[in-house]
Amino acid sequence: MARSKKMLLTNRLLRNLWLLYSCIDYYVKCLKCFREVRSEVVVVDRYIDDFIIDQALNFGVIPRDLGAFKNILYLKRFRFPDYKIILELPAGIGYRRKKDGTPFVYIKAREEYYKQLDGLNTLCPDGRCSIQTLSKQIETWVLDKLDMKKYESTSNYYIRCRRHGL
């Protein structure tokens, strides 16, 4: 986080205004994004989790307190996913794979936070496995969760998984 932003967020009033503004801004963007969606199943890439982790880092929330941070008033308006897939991937490997200029420090800082996001309806497969293994594991889990086993998988079935970014 930039030094000037860090200094700004030491003031309690400004910190709360920043969080309110950030939450409203992200919420409006999500409403616009999902406005046209008319489907029973929607697959999104890190919809709310990255936002929460970014804000937790802005406010100095430690990873084990992430659950309590998610329950603050401003974040309760968001629609949280029914199911999540979070690839377990060491930051070093994620950094080497990402290759988009994201600093390693940025990825490393988020590693422990992602570990706090698992839960009853979360699959956390080992991201070091082959694409084929991951794809099959995810497909099986998703179809089981959605109770769609009656549908046959096709060779055109692809799952795109990304670990970081929005």
Foldseek 3Di string as FASTA:
>chain_A
DDPVLLVQCVDPVSVVVVVLVLLVVLQVVVCVVCVPDDDPDDDDACSCLQVLLVSCVSNVNDQVCSVVSCPDPSNVPDDDDPAEEAEQDALVVLVVVVPPPDDSVVSNSCNSNVVSPDDDRYHYHHPVDDLVVVQVVVVVSVCVVVVPPVDDDDPPDHDDHHNDDD
